[in-house]
Protein backbone atom coordinates (compact mmCIF):
# COMPACT_ATOMS: atom_id res chain seq x y z
CA UNK A 1 -12.84 71.93 83.62
CA UNK A 2 -14.20 74.72 81.37
CA UNK A 3 -11.49 77.36 81.39
CA UNK A 4 -13.25 79.35 78.63
CA UNK A 5 -16.41 79.96 80.67
CA UNK A 6 -14.38 80.64 83.72
CA UNK A 7 -12.24 83.26 82.21
CA UNK A 8 -15.10 84.97 80.33
CA UNK A 9 -16.92 85.39 83.66
CA UNK A 10 -13.87 86.90 85.41
CA UNK A 11 -13.07 89.31 82.62
CA UNK A 12 -15.80 89.70 80.04
CA UNK A 13 -13.49 90.94 77.31
CA UNK A 14 -11.24 87.81 77.29
CA UNK A 15 -11.00 86.02 73.98
CA UNK A 16 -10.29 82.31 73.93
CA UNK A 17 -8.98 80.42 70.87
CA UNK A 18 -7.46 76.94 70.94
CA UNK A 19 -5.16 76.86 67.92
CA UNK A 20 -1.98 75.15 66.76
CA UNK A 21 1.46 76.51 67.77
CA UNK A 22 2.30 76.31 64.08
CA UNK A 23 -0.59 78.57 62.81
CA UNK A 24 0.91 81.14 60.50
CA UNK A 25 0.57 84.84 61.38
CA UNK A 26 -0.23 87.61 58.94
CA UNK A 27 3.32 87.76 57.71
CA UNK A 28 4.26 84.62 55.73
CA UNK A 29 7.08 82.62 57.37
CA UNK A 30 6.43 83.98 60.83
CA UNK A 31 4.89 81.20 63.02
CA UNK A 32 2.27 82.26 65.68
CA UNK A 33 3.67 81.13 69.04
CA UNK A 34 1.20 80.58 71.91
CA UNK A 35 1.86 81.93 75.44
CA UNK A 36 3.56 79.46 77.75
CA UNK A 37 3.83 78.58 81.45
CA UNK A 38 7.58 78.46 81.92
CA UNK A 39 8.36 77.49 85.50
CA UNK A 40 7.14 77.42 89.07
CA UNK A 41 9.88 78.22 91.64
CA UNK A 42 10.45 76.35 93.83
CA UNK A 43 9.10 73.46 91.72
CA UNK A 44 9.06 71.05 94.56
CA UNK A 45 8.96 71.13 98.38
CA UNK A 46 6.76 70.99 101.48
CA UNK A 47 5.38 73.24 104.12
CA UNK A 48 2.42 75.43 104.86
CA UNK A 49 3.86 78.84 103.94
CA UNK A 50 5.80 79.63 100.84
CA UNK A 51 6.61 82.50 98.44
CA UNK A 52 6.21 81.08 94.90
CA UNK A 53 7.34 82.65 91.66
CA UNK A 54 5.32 81.61 88.57
CA UNK A 55 6.92 82.70 85.35
CA UNK A 56 5.30 82.94 81.90
CA UNK A 57 6.41 83.65 78.36
CA UNK A 58 4.47 85.82 75.97
CA UNK A 59 3.10 84.57 72.72
CA UNK A 60 3.15 86.33 69.39
CA UNK A 61 4.72 86.18 65.96
CA UNK A 62 8.12 84.51 65.98
CA UNK A 63 11.04 85.70 63.82
CA UNK A 64 12.32 82.34 62.69
CA UNK A 65 15.64 83.91 61.68
CA UNK A 66 16.64 84.95 65.18
CA UNK A 67 14.21 83.09 67.42
CA UNK A 68 12.74 86.22 68.96
CA UNK A 69 9.16 87.57 69.04
CA UNK A 70 8.63 90.42 66.60
CA UNK A 71 5.09 90.99 67.76
CA UNK A 72 4.45 89.84 71.40
CA UNK A 73 0.93 89.82 72.59
CA UNK A 74 -0.23 90.91 76.05
CA UNK A 75 -1.50 88.35 78.49
CA UNK A 76 -5.17 88.43 79.27
CA UNK A 77 -5.18 85.93 82.22
CA UNK A 78 -2.65 83.79 84.00
CA UNK A 79 -3.84 80.79 86.08
CA UNK A 80 -2.30 78.77 88.91
CA UNK A 81 -4.13 75.78 90.36
CA UNK A 82 -2.78 73.67 93.22
CA UNK A 83 -4.61 70.45 93.99
CA UNK A 84 -4.13 66.72 93.96
CA UNK A 85 -5.68 66.66 90.44
CA UNK A 86 -6.74 69.17 87.81
CA UNK A 87 -9.95 70.12 89.56
CA UNK A 88 -10.96 73.59 90.75
CA UNK A 89 -13.16 72.21 93.49
CA UNK A 90 -11.64 72.47 96.98
CA UNK A 91 -8.41 73.76 95.56
CA UNK A 92 -6.09 76.73 95.71
CA UNK A 93 -7.25 78.15 92.28
CA UNK A 94 -6.03 81.64 91.26
CA UNK A 95 -6.44 83.81 88.19
CA UNK A 96 -4.34 86.94 87.62
CA UNK A 97 -5.43 89.59 85.06
CA UNK A 98 -2.59 91.94 84.28
CA UNK A 99 -3.19 95.66 83.73
CA UNK A 100 -1.26 97.01 80.69
CA UNK A 101 -0.03 100.44 79.79
CA UNK A 102 0.82 99.75 76.11
CA UNK A 103 2.95 96.66 76.32
CA UNK A 104 4.13 97.29 79.93
CA UNK A 105 2.55 95.77 83.02
CA UNK A 106 3.58 95.92 86.68
CA UNK A 107 0.24 95.20 88.33
CA UNK A 108 -3.24 93.82 87.96
CA UNK A 109 -6.07 91.94 89.73
CA UNK A 110 -5.63 88.64 91.53
CA UNK A 111 -8.72 86.41 92.06
CA UNK A 112 -9.05 83.34 94.34
CA UNK A 113 -11.86 80.99 93.34
CA UNK A 114 -14.08 79.71 96.12
CA UNK A 115 -14.31 76.16 97.38
CA UNK A 116 -16.90 75.17 94.86
CA UNK A 117 -14.34 75.73 92.04
CA UNK A 118 -16.71 77.83 89.93
CA UNK A 119 -14.57 80.62 88.49
CA UNK A 120 -17.81 82.51 87.74
CA UNK A 121 -17.96 83.23 91.40
CA UNK A 122 -18.22 83.90 94.14
CA UNK A 123 -14.54 84.66 94.42
CA UNK A 124 -12.42 87.18 96.33
CA UNK A 125 -9.86 89.46 94.85
CA UNK A 126 -7.05 91.94 95.53
CA UNK A 127 -5.08 94.40 93.47
CA UNK A 128 -1.28 94.02 92.93
CA UNK A 129 0.60 95.96 94.05
CA UNK A 130 -1.51 96.34 97.17
CA UNK A 131 -2.43 95.01 100.60
CA UNK A 132 -5.00 92.60 101.94
CA UNK A 133 -5.49 88.90 102.25
CA UNK A 134 -7.79 86.64 100.21
CA UNK A 135 -8.71 83.12 101.41
CA UNK A 136 -10.72 80.05 100.82
CA UNK A 137 -10.71 76.80 102.83
CA UNK A 138 -7.48 75.57 101.12
CA UNK A 139 -5.17 78.64 101.04
CA UNK A 140 -4.73 82.33 101.65
CA UNK A 141 -2.70 84.82 99.73
CA UNK A 142 -1.11 87.97 101.23
CA UNK A 143 -1.02 90.79 98.64
CA UNK A 144 1.63 92.69 100.57
CA UNK A 145 4.02 89.82 99.88
CA UNK A 146 2.95 89.31 96.24
CA UNK A 147 3.86 91.09 92.98
CA UNK A 148 3.83 91.04 89.20
CA UNK A 149 6.90 92.06 87.18
CA UNK A 150 8.87 90.89 84.20
CA UNK A 151 6.31 88.18 83.35
CA UNK A 152 6.66 86.59 86.79
CA UNK A 153 3.88 86.39 89.30
CA UNK A 154 5.14 86.13 92.95
CA UNK A 155 2.55 84.94 95.40
CA UNK A 156 2.88 84.58 99.22
CA UNK A 157 0.70 81.54 99.84
CA UNK A 158 -0.28 79.90 103.18
CA UNK A 159 -1.90 76.54 102.91
CA UNK A 160 -4.60 75.53 105.35
CA UNK A 161 -3.91 72.05 106.44
CA UNK A 162 -7.38 71.15 107.64
CA UNK A 163 -8.68 69.03 104.78
CA UNK A 164 -5.98 70.06 102.37
CA UNK A 165 -3.05 67.93 103.64
CA UNK A 166 -1.14 65.70 101.27
CA UNK A 167 0.72 65.82 97.93
CA UNK A 168 -0.42 68.42 95.37
CA UNK A 169 0.33 69.26 91.74
CA UNK A 170 1.14 72.80 90.78
CA UNK A 171 -0.68 73.54 87.47
CA UNK A 172 -0.14 76.69 85.41
CA UNK A 173 -1.76 78.15 82.29
CA UNK A 174 -1.38 81.32 80.24
CA UNK A 175 -3.83 83.07 77.87
CA UNK A 176 -3.46 86.06 75.55
CA UNK A 177 -5.76 87.76 73.10
CA UNK A 178 -5.46 84.90 70.58
CA UNK A 179 -4.27 81.64 72.23
CA UNK A 180 -4.24 79.57 75.37
CA UNK A 181 -1.37 77.37 76.54
CA UNK A 182 -3.67 74.87 78.23
CA UNK A 183 -2.90 73.54 81.74
CA UNK A 184 0.63 72.37 82.38
CA UNK A 185 1.84 70.40 85.45
CA UNK A 186 4.91 72.48 86.61
CA UNK A 187 5.71 71.08 90.06
CA UNK A 188 4.56 69.27 93.21
CA UNK A 189 4.07 70.42 96.76
CA UNK A 190 3.43 68.54 100.01
CA UNK A 191 1.08 70.12 102.58
CA UNK A 192 1.95 68.58 105.92
CA UNK A 193 -0.56 66.19 107.49
CA UNK A 194 -1.74 62.65 107.09
CA UNK A 195 -1.54 59.60 109.31
CA UNK A 196 1.76 58.06 110.48
CA UNK A 197 -0.07 54.79 111.05
CA UNK A 198 -0.40 54.04 107.34
CA UNK A 199 2.15 53.35 104.69
CA UNK A 200 3.50 56.63 103.22
CA UNK A 201 5.16 57.90 100.05
CA UNK A 202 8.08 59.97 101.23
CA UNK A 203 9.16 61.36 97.85
CA UNK A 204 11.01 61.16 94.57
CA UNK A 205 14.35 62.41 93.36
CA UNK A 206 14.38 64.28 91.08
CA UNK A 207 10.91 65.64 91.67
CA UNK A 208 10.91 67.60 88.35
CA UNK A 209 12.76 66.57 85.25
CA UNK A 210 12.92 67.24 81.55
CA UNK A 211 14.11 64.99 78.78
CA UNK A 212 13.35 61.40 77.69
CA UNK A 213 15.72 59.38 79.96
CA UNK A 214 15.98 59.68 83.74
CA UNK A 215 16.81 57.58 86.81
CA UNK A 216 14.23 58.15 89.54
CA UNK A 217 14.57 57.20 93.21
CA UNK A 218 11.26 56.61 95.21
CA UNK A 219 11.10 56.12 98.95
CA UNK A 220 8.22 54.57 100.88
CA UNK A 221 7.72 53.83 104.54
CA UNK A 222 5.54 51.47 106.52
CA UNK A 223 5.06 51.71 110.33
CA UNK A 224 5.06 47.92 110.52
CA UNK A 225 8.45 47.62 108.69
CA UNK A 226 9.34 47.16 105.00
CA UNK A 227 8.24 43.41 104.95
CA UNK A 228 4.65 44.70 105.54
CA UNK A 229 4.64 46.36 102.11
CA UNK A 230 2.86 44.22 99.57
CA UNK A 231 3.20 46.45 96.49
CA UNK A 232 4.39 49.94 95.55
CA UNK A 233 2.84 51.44 92.39
CA UNK A 234 4.20 54.21 90.12
CA UNK A 235 2.19 55.72 87.35
CA UNK A 236 3.30 58.46 84.80
CA UNK A 237 0.52 60.03 82.82
CA UNK A 238 -1.56 63.19 82.53
CA UNK A 239 -3.97 61.94 85.20
CA UNK A 240 -4.48 58.86 87.35
CA UNK A 241 -5.36 56.64 84.39
CA UNK A 242 -3.50 53.45 83.49
CA UNK A 243 -4.53 53.57 79.84
CA UNK A 244 -1.69 54.79 77.64
CA UNK A 245 0.53 55.23 80.69
CA UNK A 246 3.86 54.22 82.11
CA UNK A 247 2.23 52.15 84.89
CA UNK A 248 4.42 50.03 87.18
CA UNK A 249 4.03 47.76 90.19
CA UNK A 250 6.99 46.90 92.38
CA UNK A 251 6.76 43.59 94.32
CA UNK A 252 9.55 42.75 96.83
CA UNK A 253 11.29 39.41 97.00
CA UNK A 254 13.80 40.33 99.68
CA UNK A 255 15.46 43.42 101.14
CA UNK A 256 17.51 43.81 97.94
CA UNK A 257 15.50 42.10 95.26
CA UNK A 258 12.07 42.11 93.59
CA UNK A 259 10.16 42.37 90.35
CA UNK A 260 8.89 45.42 88.54
CA UNK A 261 5.78 44.75 86.38
CA UNK A 262 4.95 47.14 83.63
CA UNK A 263 1.33 47.23 82.63
CA UNK A 264 0.53 47.18 78.93
CA UNK A 265 -1.01 50.03 76.94
CA UNK A 266 -4.57 49.00 77.78
CA UNK A 267 -3.84 49.89 81.41
CA UNK A 268 -5.42 46.76 82.98
CA UNK A 269 -3.33 46.09 86.09
CA UNK A 270 -4.58 42.49 86.01
CA UNK A 271 -2.51 41.98 82.87
CA UNK A 272 -1.13 41.80 80.23
CA UNK A 273 2.17 43.06 81.50
CA UNK A 274 5.91 42.58 81.03
CA UNK A 275 8.40 42.40 83.91
CA UNK A 276 11.99 42.99 84.86
CA UNK A 277 13.68 41.30 87.77
CA UNK A 278 16.00 43.33 90.04
CA UNK A 279 18.89 43.09 90.33
CA UNK A 280 19.21 42.21 86.67
CA UNK A 281 20.06 43.48 83.22
CA UNK A 282 16.73 42.89 81.41
CA UNK A 283 14.16 45.39 80.41
CA UNK A 284 10.43 45.85 80.10
CA UNK A 285 8.64 48.06 77.60
CA UNK A 286 5.25 49.31 76.47
CA UNK A 287 4.18 52.11 74.13
CA UNK A 288 5.08 54.84 76.69
CA UNK A 289 8.23 53.75 78.46
CA UNK A 290 11.06 51.24 79.00
CA UNK A 291 12.32 50.10 82.48
CA UNK A 292 16.00 49.14 82.38
CA UNK A 293 17.26 46.56 84.87
CA UNK A 294 20.70 48.09 84.45
CA UNK A 295 20.64 51.16 86.67
CA UNK A 296 17.56 50.06 88.63
CA UNK A 297 17.56 48.71 92.17
CA UNK A 298 15.62 47.83 95.33
CA UNK A 299 16.81 48.41 98.84
CA UNK A 300 14.82 47.95 102.00
CA UNK A 301 15.84 48.54 105.65
CA UNK A 302 13.83 49.13 108.86
CA UNK A 303 10.59 50.86 107.88
CA UNK A 304 11.89 52.14 104.54
CA UNK A 305 11.78 50.90 101.01
CA UNK A 306 13.87 52.59 98.33
CA UNK A 307 13.23 51.90 94.67
CA UNK A 308 15.42 53.27 91.93
CA UNK A 309 14.13 52.98 88.36
CA UNK A 310 15.95 53.85 85.21
CA UNK A 311 13.28 54.94 82.69
CA UNK A 312 13.35 55.93 79.03
CA UNK A 313 10.14 57.49 77.65
CA UNK A 314 9.02 56.88 74.14
CA UNK A 315 8.77 59.73 71.59
CA UNK A 316 5.01 59.21 71.28
CA UNK A 317 4.74 59.97 75.05
CA UNK A 318 6.04 63.44 74.62
CA UNK A 319 4.56 66.28 76.62
CA UNK A 320 3.94 67.34 80.25
CA UNK A 321 3.30 64.44 82.69
CA UNK A 322 2.56 63.88 86.38
CA UNK A 323 4.37 61.15 88.31
CA UNK A 324 1.98 59.44 90.85
CA UNK A 325 2.87 56.84 93.43
CA UNK A 326 0.96 54.55 95.90
CA UNK A 327 2.00 51.97 98.45
CA UNK A 328 -0.09 49.24 100.06
CA UNK A 329 0.47 46.89 102.99
CA UNK A 330 -0.97 45.37 106.07
CA UNK A 331 -1.03 48.78 107.72
CA UNK A 332 -3.26 50.26 104.94
CA UNK A 333 -3.13 51.97 101.58
CA UNK A 334 -1.67 55.35 100.88
CA UNK A 335 -3.83 55.88 97.87
CA UNK A 336 -2.48 57.61 94.73
CA UNK A 337 -0.37 60.70 95.38
CA UNK A 338 1.27 63.06 92.95
CA UNK A 339 5.00 63.14 93.76
CA UNK A 340 6.66 64.73 90.73
CA UNK A 341 6.37 66.08 87.22
CA UNK A 342 8.27 65.46 83.97
CA UNK A 343 8.28 67.12 80.60
CA UNK A 344 8.97 64.31 78.16
CA UNK A 345 10.83 65.80 75.18
CA UNK A 346 13.63 64.87 72.80
CA UNK A 347 14.28 68.60 72.17
CA UNK A 348 16.14 70.75 74.65
CA UNK A 349 14.29 73.67 76.25
CA UNK A 350 15.72 77.15 75.77
CA UNK A 351 15.91 77.66 79.55
CA UNK A 352 18.84 76.57 81.68
CA UNK A 353 19.54 73.86 82.84
CA UNK A 354 17.80 72.36 79.82
CA UNK A 355 19.83 73.81 76.90
CA UNK A 356 22.77 71.39 76.63
CA UNK A 357 23.89 68.49 74.44
CA UNK A 358 26.58 65.93 73.63
CA UNK A 359 28.56 66.38 70.44
CA UNK A 360 31.45 63.85 70.80
CA UNK A 361 32.51 60.79 72.81
CA UNK A 362 36.20 59.91 73.17
CA UNK A 363 36.87 57.10 72.64
CA UNK A 364 33.71 56.26 70.59
CA UNK A 365 34.10 52.49 71.29
CA UNK A 366 36.06 49.84 73.24
CA UNK A 367 36.24 46.07 73.07
CA UNK A 368 34.15 43.79 75.27
CA UNK A 369 35.96 42.73 78.39
CA UNK A 370 38.02 45.88 78.54
CA UNK A 371 39.27 47.28 81.84
CA UNK A 372 37.70 50.37 83.33
CA UNK A 373 38.55 53.47 81.28
CA UNK A 374 37.94 57.23 81.31
CA UNK A 375 35.30 58.46 78.83
CA UNK A 376 35.55 62.09 77.70
CA UNK A 377 32.19 63.67 76.85
CA UNK A 378 32.30 66.88 74.79
CA UNK A 379 29.28 69.16 74.46
CA UNK A 380 27.93 72.42 75.68
CA UNK A 381 26.43 74.13 78.74
CA UNK A 382 27.54 71.51 81.33
CA UNK A 383 27.32 72.60 84.96
CA UNK A 384 30.45 72.98 87.08
CA UNK A 385 28.51 73.39 90.33
CA UNK A 386 28.39 76.33 92.63
CA UNK A 387 28.77 77.20 96.31
CA UNK A 388 25.22 77.26 97.60
CA UNK A 389 23.97 79.52 100.39
CA UNK A 390 22.51 77.61 103.31
CA UNK A 391 19.10 79.14 102.72
CA UNK A 392 16.03 76.97 102.21
CA UNK A 393 14.66 77.45 98.73
CA UNK A 394 17.97 78.54 97.18
CA UNK A 395 18.50 77.06 93.70
CA UNK A 396 21.91 75.44 93.52
CA UNK A 397 23.33 74.02 90.26
CA UNK A 398 25.14 70.78 90.98
CA UNK A 399 27.98 69.40 88.76
CA UNK A 400 26.81 67.54 85.60
CA UNK A 401 26.69 63.75 85.73
CA UNK A 402 27.36 61.17 82.99
CA UNK A 403 25.11 58.15 82.66
CA UNK A 404 26.53 55.12 80.81
CA UNK A 405 24.03 52.47 79.84
CA UNK A 406 21.50 53.92 82.40
CA UNK A 407 23.98 53.92 85.22
CA UNK A 408 25.36 57.12 86.63
CA UNK A 409 29.14 56.85 86.68
CA UNK A 410 31.75 58.92 88.64
CA UNK A 411 32.01 62.20 86.76
CA UNK A 412 34.60 64.94 86.75
CA UNK A 413 33.62 68.29 85.22
CA UNK A 414 36.56 69.61 83.26
CA UNK A 415 34.66 72.61 81.86
CA UNK A 416 31.32 73.71 80.70
CA UNK A 417 32.09 71.88 77.40
CA UNK A 418 33.83 68.72 78.67
CA UNK A 419 33.14 65.98 81.20
CA UNK A 420 35.10 62.87 82.07
CA UNK A 421 33.36 59.74 83.42
CA UNK A 422 34.96 56.58 84.84
CA UNK A 423 33.30 53.61 83.14
CA UNK A 424 33.66 50.45 85.25
CA UNK A 425 34.67 47.09 83.68
CA UNK A 426 31.38 45.57 84.82
CA UNK A 427 29.52 47.65 82.13
CA UNK A 428 31.85 46.32 79.34
CA UNK A 429 31.28 42.60 79.65
CA UNK A 430 29.21 42.14 76.44
CA UNK A 431 29.13 43.72 72.93
CA UNK A 432 26.31 46.17 72.31
CA UNK A 433 25.51 49.89 71.64
CA UNK A 434 24.77 51.77 74.78
CA UNK A 435 23.27 55.23 75.49
CA UNK A 436 25.47 57.90 77.02
CA UNK A 437 23.50 60.78 78.56
CA UNK A 438 24.51 63.90 80.45
CA UNK A 439 22.40 65.29 83.23
CA UNK A 440 22.26 68.79 84.72
CA UNK A 441 20.83 68.60 88.26
CA UNK A 442 19.71 71.60 90.33
CA UNK A 443 19.10 71.24 94.16
CA UNK A 444 16.59 73.49 95.84
CA UNK A 445 17.87 73.65 99.43
CA UNK A 446 15.59 71.90 101.90
CA UNK A 447 13.03 71.17 99.12
CA UNK A 448 14.21 68.76 96.40
CA UNK A 449 15.99 68.24 93.12
CA UNK A 450 15.26 69.11 89.52
CA UNK A 451 17.11 67.47 86.68
CA UNK A 452 17.35 67.66 82.84
CA UNK A 453 18.85 65.10 80.46
CA UNK A 454 20.53 65.60 77.19
CA UNK A 455 19.71 63.56 74.12
CA UNK A 456 21.68 60.29 74.13
CA UNK A 457 24.91 59.67 72.29
CA UNK A 458 25.69 56.19 71.13
CA UNK A 459 28.77 54.31 72.41
CA UNK A 460 29.79 50.89 71.03
CA UNK A 461 31.26 47.93 72.96
CA UNK A 462 32.69 45.85 70.15
CA UNK A 463 33.43 42.12 69.94
């Protein structure tokens, strides 16, 4: 998609420049930071009507001594695109152009691109703040319920289900007078619809995550019962492309067992691939990810198949990714559906719940064959949990969880700097070095879960 030509046609004065985030500004030692898409809230959920908040961060010259911007630049255009893929055609594709008074902006013009996806037009527009409704065949936006303030764009969106039902990715992008963030997948949304007579992907937990290690739980249903499912596929990449992806196929053996095949870097689902048997303690790896048998499982009952996969992404796979899933059986084929997003990174984000880390494990080691013991994890910014209002869409921090060798263990939050986890004897049977990770989950009431992982700390099971 040509964002440059699109933006130039919406606002003739826009300037596009694709440059590195490390380009030096006019003052030596001050890196030039591009604008960023920060978050979509809620980042996951379902329904036909929702008030979304899309937040952005300004670019400019960064003071490397205090981490702040000494010369922030005004935004020129902010984009939101909701579709099953990064395609403006037959999508809910919006561009907001802020109006500035100096460096202050509380309004601007909102444009909705038509069904053809050509941002050059025709398109419909409204002014914020203001009134009126703009629509295409996929969505409508009510200006009276929308606003722009403090770098956050609030949009009251109604999705039109005829022809737009299914799972969608929420993409965001930001542009200023010098740089462009590029498109970023920031969440997923399900528009009700589809056939109950075919196998379905019910969802993933967490639906949005950040870090390099995470346990994901996928649920699938088949109207003919779980034995009718022949294969469930999961693919993590920028798009539906098996090349250079974390591309998996789950084949059931029984209600509680099966094999997970990991396709190699070439992306040919016919092979070569490695495999891990569940239940089991093996692993399968390619250049993008590792699947751990420890912490992964298969469970099937009635019409439902539940697959939990403990994944570690490789450093070379860093960046924003979409999680796709598909399921096939005698009742039909769901086709690929976007179900979640992950920002693969080894560096914590500056936004809660992502800014946290582990500094010490006590004890740092135990002997193989030891009895269950309590592991004390010291760090920062752990979550104690909070009483959550029973209001759909409310963001509710849940208590932090400790993962030991890719298995979430019973965890007690002592404080925001200390966790205690009960490590079972079953995880201490053989000598090795294992990863200990802390997770900060946030539950969006009625919608789904977001999670972030700390960098791993090493724990040794000695001989």
